[in-house]
């Protein structure tokens, strides 16, 4: 029977005052020895709204991303598509309930391949209010380079807030 092993490759927790971005694999240091990558994040931004979208830019690419997603907002459910400058999620903004963070998982199979990458994102922004977002994205990165770094930023110009944390795992399918 095949088994999967998870190995922590990189992690980052934002310190006091926040930061504009977090880079995992700075300088292209994500090892190319696994079959898949999984990124877990618990994040909040300083953007002045109850919600924000974080962007996860692969290898600093700002083009080549396309998404199709299902979402729920607390009052509406639907689907949509987009092309953004990075993989997208739902995050908590500064006006959401204090001390709440979004929960996100990105799954990146075959990240070392030389073809376009299919990536899934599962995301929920926590908020003790009627308006709270959750979504599931099927994302395509139409770039052929292996994934060597991931840069995380606010989609609306805020900073990543203190205590936001990111954990990148390598997965070996044996």
Foldseek 3Di string as FASTA:
>chain_A
DKDKDKDWQDKDFAAPPFAQKDKDLVPLNDDPPFFKKKKKKWWEWAPPDQKFKKFKAFPQQQFQKKKWKWKDFLDDTDIDIDTGRGDIEIWGYPPFDPPHTKIKMKIWGRQQAQAKTWIKMWIWYDGPDSTTMTMIMTMIRGGRHRGRMIMMGIPPPTGIHGRIMMIMIGMHID
